[in-house]
């Protein structure tokens, strides 16, 4: 299993666009720490759009947590000073969590052959973070300043309170944007994972099409032909339609 800061088993893999190779031993991200390989210029097409989406989410969360720290320091005049400690703690918790999610998403989308467990880890981590972002964008709990916090700050008439409202709006917008980018990432990872096999439809569309076909041809039954295969990056099974026997 590949971990951050450890060289993968495969040093180079083909680029998703097929134009170059990715050197996974070139640890260049984040700057200074160099724990993983990350370079957008090596990617093209749907893979690049997906990675750019989760990278923007990472940058937004990083900026929002810094804004939250500044806002909490200013708000110590109105609220508990312990929130400063919580704000610092959140920086050391959520930035690594977002970095780990970015790492799993980048590797899951770019590596050939793709690793299903890596993609699964990305989906789980991104889903947990999305729940956190939507909660933080709405509620006011501890150091987090959601939209509800604006109502409390409006009661204060000092100039600092107006500046805190501005920071709170930025923070809530950032969490909201990260939530939507995370949801888009979870949806697009399936499309990206199938990109090398040609144009694919999202799974809900496939299920709806299969349902409509079976409903129209209700006199046919679905027969399982072969077991799923792992010869390719994405496993598949073979089915066929068979005419139902008439009941006597």
Protein backbone atom coordinates (compact mmCIF):
# COMPACT_ATOMS: atom_id res chain seq x y z
CA UNK A 1 0.00 0.00 0.00
CA UNK A 2 1.33 3.44 -0.91
CA UNK A 3 1.51 6.09 1.77
CA UNK A 4 2.41 9.76 1.77
CA UNK A 5 6.15 10.27 1.79
CA UNK A 6 6.89 6.69 0.69
CA UNK A 7 7.87 5.76 -2.85
CA UNK A 8 5.18 3.78 -4.65
CA UNK A 9 5.92 0.35 -6.08
CA UNK A 10 5.70 1.77 -9.61
CA UNK A 11 8.04 4.70 -10.13
CA UNK A 12 6.51 5.97 -13.35
CA UNK A 13 3.08 5.46 -14.84
CA UNK A 14 1.58 6.65 -18.08
CA UNK A 15 -0.12 9.99 -18.10
CA UNK A 16 -3.95 9.86 -18.23
CA UNK A 17 -3.71 11.74 -21.52
CA UNK A 18 -1.11 9.28 -22.75
CA UNK A 19 1.41 12.01 -23.64
CA UNK A 20 4.00 11.60 -20.88
CA UNK A 21 4.81 9.78 -17.67
CA UNK A 22 4.28 10.69 -14.02
CA UNK A 23 7.28 10.26 -11.74
CA UNK A 24 5.71 9.28 -8.43
CA UNK A 25 9.10 9.52 -6.68
CA UNK A 26 9.28 13.26 -7.39
CA UNK A 27 7.94 14.48 -4.04
CA UNK A 28 7.16 18.18 -4.55
CA UNK A 29 3.98 18.89 -2.55
CA UNK A 30 3.29 20.65 -0.30
CA UNK A 31 6.15 23.11 -0.79
CA UNK A 32 8.73 22.72 1.95
CA UNK A 33 7.38 19.44 3.32
CA UNK A 34 7.48 17.48 0.03
CA UNK A 35 5.32 14.58 1.19
CA UNK A 36 3.75 13.58 -2.15
CA UNK A 37 3.94 14.11 -5.89
CA UNK A 38 1.50 16.63 -7.32
CA UNK A 39 1.72 18.48 -10.65
CA UNK A 40 -1.33 19.68 -12.59
CA UNK A 41 0.71 20.34 -15.75
CA UNK A 42 1.08 16.57 -16.22
CA UNK A 43 -2.68 16.05 -16.54
CA UNK A 44 -5.22 16.68 -19.28
CA UNK A 45 -8.91 16.28 -19.98
CA UNK A 46 -11.40 15.01 -17.37
CA UNK A 47 -8.64 13.89 -15.02
CA UNK A 48 -7.18 17.39 -14.86
CA UNK A 49 -10.61 18.94 -14.23
CA UNK A 50 -11.28 16.49 -11.41
CA UNK A 51 -7.89 17.03 -9.75
CA UNK A 52 -8.25 20.81 -10.15
CA UNK A 53 -11.63 20.60 -8.39
CA UNK A 54 -10.26 18.82 -5.30
CA UNK A 55 -7.14 21.04 -5.32
CA UNK A 56 -9.28 24.19 -5.26
CA UNK A 57 -11.24 22.71 -2.37
CA UNK A 58 -7.97 22.16 -0.49
CA UNK A 59 -6.84 25.77 -1.09
CA UNK A 60 -10.22 27.18 -0.05
CA UNK A 61 -10.25 25.21 3.19
CA UNK A 62 -6.70 26.33 3.94
CA UNK A 63 -7.68 29.99 3.41
CA UNK A 64 -10.92 29.62 5.41
CA UNK A 65 -9.12 28.14 8.42
CA UNK A 66 -6.67 31.08 8.43
CA UNK A 67 -9.60 33.51 8.17
CA UNK A 68 -11.31 31.67 11.02
CA UNK A 69 -8.20 32.04 13.18
CA UNK A 70 -8.08 35.81 12.56
CA UNK A 71 -11.81 36.15 13.16
CA UNK A 72 -11.64 34.22 16.45
CA UNK A 73 -8.80 36.43 17.71
CA UNK A 74 -10.88 39.54 17.03
CA UNK A 75 -13.99 37.99 18.56
CA UNK A 76 -12.29 37.18 21.88
CA UNK A 77 -13.64 40.55 22.98
CA UNK A 78 -17.18 39.21 22.61
CA UNK A 79 -16.81 35.44 23.06
CA UNK A 80 -14.70 32.86 24.92
CA UNK A 81 -10.93 32.99 24.50
CA UNK A 82 -10.74 29.18 24.46
CA UNK A 83 -11.97 29.35 20.87
CA UNK A 84 -8.48 30.52 19.85
CA UNK A 85 -7.08 27.18 20.98
CA UNK A 86 -9.84 25.31 19.12
CA UNK A 87 -9.17 27.34 15.97
CA UNK A 88 -5.46 26.41 16.05
CA UNK A 89 -6.41 22.78 16.67
CA UNK A 90 -8.69 22.81 13.64
CA UNK A 91 -5.81 24.01 11.46
CA UNK A 92 -3.69 21.03 12.53
CA UNK A 93 -6.60 18.60 12.04
CA UNK A 94 -8.40 19.66 8.86
CA UNK A 95 -5.46 20.77 6.71
CA UNK A 96 -3.79 17.32 6.98
CA UNK A 97 -7.20 15.68 6.47
CA UNK A 98 -7.77 17.69 3.28
CA UNK A 99 -4.22 16.95 2.16
CA UNK A 100 -4.78 13.22 2.66
CA UNK A 101 -8.03 13.42 0.68
CA UNK A 102 -6.24 15.30 -2.11
CA UNK A 103 -3.52 12.64 -2.13
CA UNK A 104 -6.02 9.79 -2.43
CA UNK A 105 -8.05 11.56 -5.11
CA UNK A 106 -4.96 12.45 -7.16
CA UNK A 107 -3.54 8.92 -6.98
CA UNK A 108 -6.91 7.30 -7.60
CA UNK A 109 -7.51 9.36 -10.74
CA UNK A 110 -3.99 9.26 -12.22
CA UNK A 111 -2.50 5.87 -11.41
CA UNK A 112 -2.51 3.10 -14.02
CA UNK A 113 -3.90 0.59 -13.34
CA UNK A 114 -6.30 2.34 -11.00
CA UNK A 115 -6.58 1.13 -7.42
CA UNK A 116 -10.17 0.63 -6.29
CA UNK A 117 -9.27 0.93 -2.59
CA UNK A 118 -7.59 4.30 -3.20
CA UNK A 119 -10.73 5.62 -4.89
CA UNK A 120 -12.86 4.19 -2.07
CA UNK A 121 -10.68 5.94 0.52
CA UNK A 122 -11.09 9.20 -1.38
CA UNK A 123 -14.86 8.87 -1.45
CA UNK A 124 -15.07 8.12 2.27
CA UNK A 125 -12.76 10.97 3.29
CA UNK A 126 -14.41 13.45 0.95
CA UNK A 127 -17.88 12.49 2.16
CA UNK A 128 -16.89 13.01 5.81
CA UNK A 129 -15.34 16.39 4.98
CA UNK A 130 -18.45 17.44 3.02
CA UNK A 131 -20.60 16.77 6.09
CA UNK A 132 -18.21 18.90 8.16
CA UNK A 133 -18.20 21.77 5.65
CA UNK A 134 -21.99 22.01 5.36
CA UNK A 135 -22.32 21.97 9.16
CA UNK A 136 -19.60 24.58 9.67
CA UNK A 137 -21.15 26.83 7.01
CA UNK A 138 -24.49 26.97 8.81
CA UNK A 139 -24.04 26.61 12.55
CA UNK A 140 -22.10 28.64 15.05
CA UNK A 141 -20.30 26.12 17.26
CA UNK A 142 -17.04 26.83 19.05
CA UNK A 143 -14.62 28.62 16.72
CA UNK A 144 -16.68 27.98 13.59
CA UNK A 145 -18.55 30.98 12.23
CA UNK A 146 -21.47 29.91 10.08
CA UNK A 147 -24.30 32.01 8.74
CA UNK A 148 -25.98 31.90 12.17
CA UNK A 149 -23.04 33.79 13.67
CA UNK A 150 -23.92 36.90 11.66
CA UNK A 151 -27.10 37.33 13.71
CA UNK A 152 -25.10 37.38 16.95
CA UNK A 153 -22.49 39.81 15.63
CA UNK A 154 -25.13 42.28 14.40
CA UNK A 155 -26.07 42.93 18.02
CA UNK A 156 -22.63 44.49 18.54
CA UNK A 157 -22.31 48.09 17.34
CA UNK A 158 -18.53 48.35 17.48
CA UNK A 159 -16.47 48.71 14.32
CA UNK A 160 -14.66 45.44 15.02
CA UNK A 161 -18.00 43.63 14.93
CA UNK A 162 -18.61 44.85 11.37
CA UNK A 163 -15.22 43.51 10.33
CA UNK A 164 -16.02 40.20 12.01
CA UNK A 165 -19.25 40.00 10.03
CA UNK A 166 -17.23 40.43 6.84
CA UNK A 167 -14.85 37.63 7.89
CA UNK A 168 -17.79 35.42 8.89
CA UNK A 169 -19.38 35.85 5.46
CA UNK A 170 -16.08 34.89 3.79
CA UNK A 171 -15.75 31.88 6.08
CA UNK A 172 -19.31 30.65 5.47
CA UNK A 173 -18.94 31.13 1.71
CA UNK A 174 -15.66 29.20 1.78
CA UNK A 175 -17.17 26.24 3.63
CA UNK A 176 -20.16 26.26 1.27
CA UNK A 177 -17.91 26.31 -1.81
CA UNK A 178 -15.79 23.47 -0.38
CA UNK A 179 -18.95 21.44 0.21
CA UNK A 180 -20.10 21.77 -3.41
CA UNK A 181 -16.60 21.11 -4.78
CA UNK A 182 -16.43 17.99 -2.62
CA UNK A 183 -19.78 16.72 -3.89
CA UNK A 184 -18.69 17.38 -7.48
CA UNK A 185 -15.49 15.46 -6.79
CA UNK A 186 -17.34 12.44 -5.40
CA UNK A 187 -19.60 12.36 -8.46
CA UNK A 188 -16.81 12.93 -11.01
CA UNK A 189 -14.43 10.30 -9.65
CA UNK A 190 -16.67 7.59 -11.15
CA UNK A 191 -16.65 9.29 -14.54
CA UNK A 192 -12.89 9.80 -14.37
CA UNK A 193 -12.32 6.18 -13.37
CA UNK A 194 -14.11 5.04 -16.53
CA UNK A 195 -12.62 7.69 -18.81
CA UNK A 196 -9.99 5.35 -20.29
CA UNK A 197 -12.74 3.04 -21.58
CA UNK A 198 -14.47 5.79 -23.58
CA UNK A 199 -17.51 7.93 -22.92
CA UNK A 200 -19.48 6.60 -19.95
CA UNK A 201 -22.75 7.57 -18.34
CA UNK A 202 -23.13 8.13 -14.58
CA UNK A 203 -24.38 5.09 -12.65
CA UNK A 204 -27.88 6.57 -11.90
CA UNK A 205 -28.43 7.04 -15.64
CA UNK A 206 -27.38 3.45 -16.33
CA UNK A 207 -29.76 2.13 -13.67
CA UNK A 208 -32.67 4.18 -15.03
CA UNK A 209 -32.00 2.99 -18.59
CA UNK A 210 -31.86 -0.65 -17.46
CA UNK A 211 -35.13 -0.19 -15.56
CA UNK A 212 -36.88 1.31 -18.60
CA UNK A 213 -35.63 -1.49 -20.85
CA UNK A 214 -36.83 -4.21 -18.48
CA UNK A 215 -40.18 -2.47 -18.03
CA UNK A 216 -40.73 -2.21 -21.78
CA UNK A 217 -39.68 -5.79 -22.39
CA UNK A 218 -41.40 -7.27 -19.34
CA UNK A 219 -41.78 -10.60 -21.12
CA UNK A 220 -38.00 -11.01 -20.92
CA UNK A 221 -35.93 -11.98 -17.89
CA UNK A 222 -32.37 -11.00 -17.00
CA UNK A 223 -29.96 -13.97 -17.01
CA UNK A 224 -26.47 -13.89 -15.50
CA UNK A 225 -23.87 -15.32 -17.90
CA UNK A 226 -20.38 -14.78 -16.44
CA UNK A 227 -18.75 -13.79 -13.19
CA UNK A 228 -17.10 -10.35 -12.78
CA UNK A 229 -13.56 -10.19 -14.14
CA UNK A 230 -10.56 -8.26 -12.79
CA UNK A 231 -8.49 -8.36 -15.96
CA UNK A 232 -9.07 -4.63 -16.52
CA UNK A 233 -9.08 -1.66 -14.15
CA UNK A 234 -12.88 -1.87 -13.96
CA UNK A 235 -14.49 -5.27 -13.51
CA UNK A 236 -17.58 -6.29 -15.42
CA UNK A 237 -20.02 -9.15 -15.77
CA UNK A 238 -22.08 -10.38 -18.72
CA UNK A 239 -25.87 -10.60 -18.71
CA UNK A 240 -28.45 -11.42 -21.37
CA UNK A 241 -32.23 -11.22 -21.80
CA UNK A 242 -34.20 -14.45 -22.06
CA UNK A 243 -37.83 -14.89 -22.93
CA UNK A 244 -39.92 -15.88 -19.95
CA UNK A 245 -41.77 -19.16 -19.98
CA UNK A 246 -45.53 -18.87 -20.08
CA UNK A 247 -47.32 -20.20 -17.01
CA UNK A 248 -49.74 -23.03 -17.72
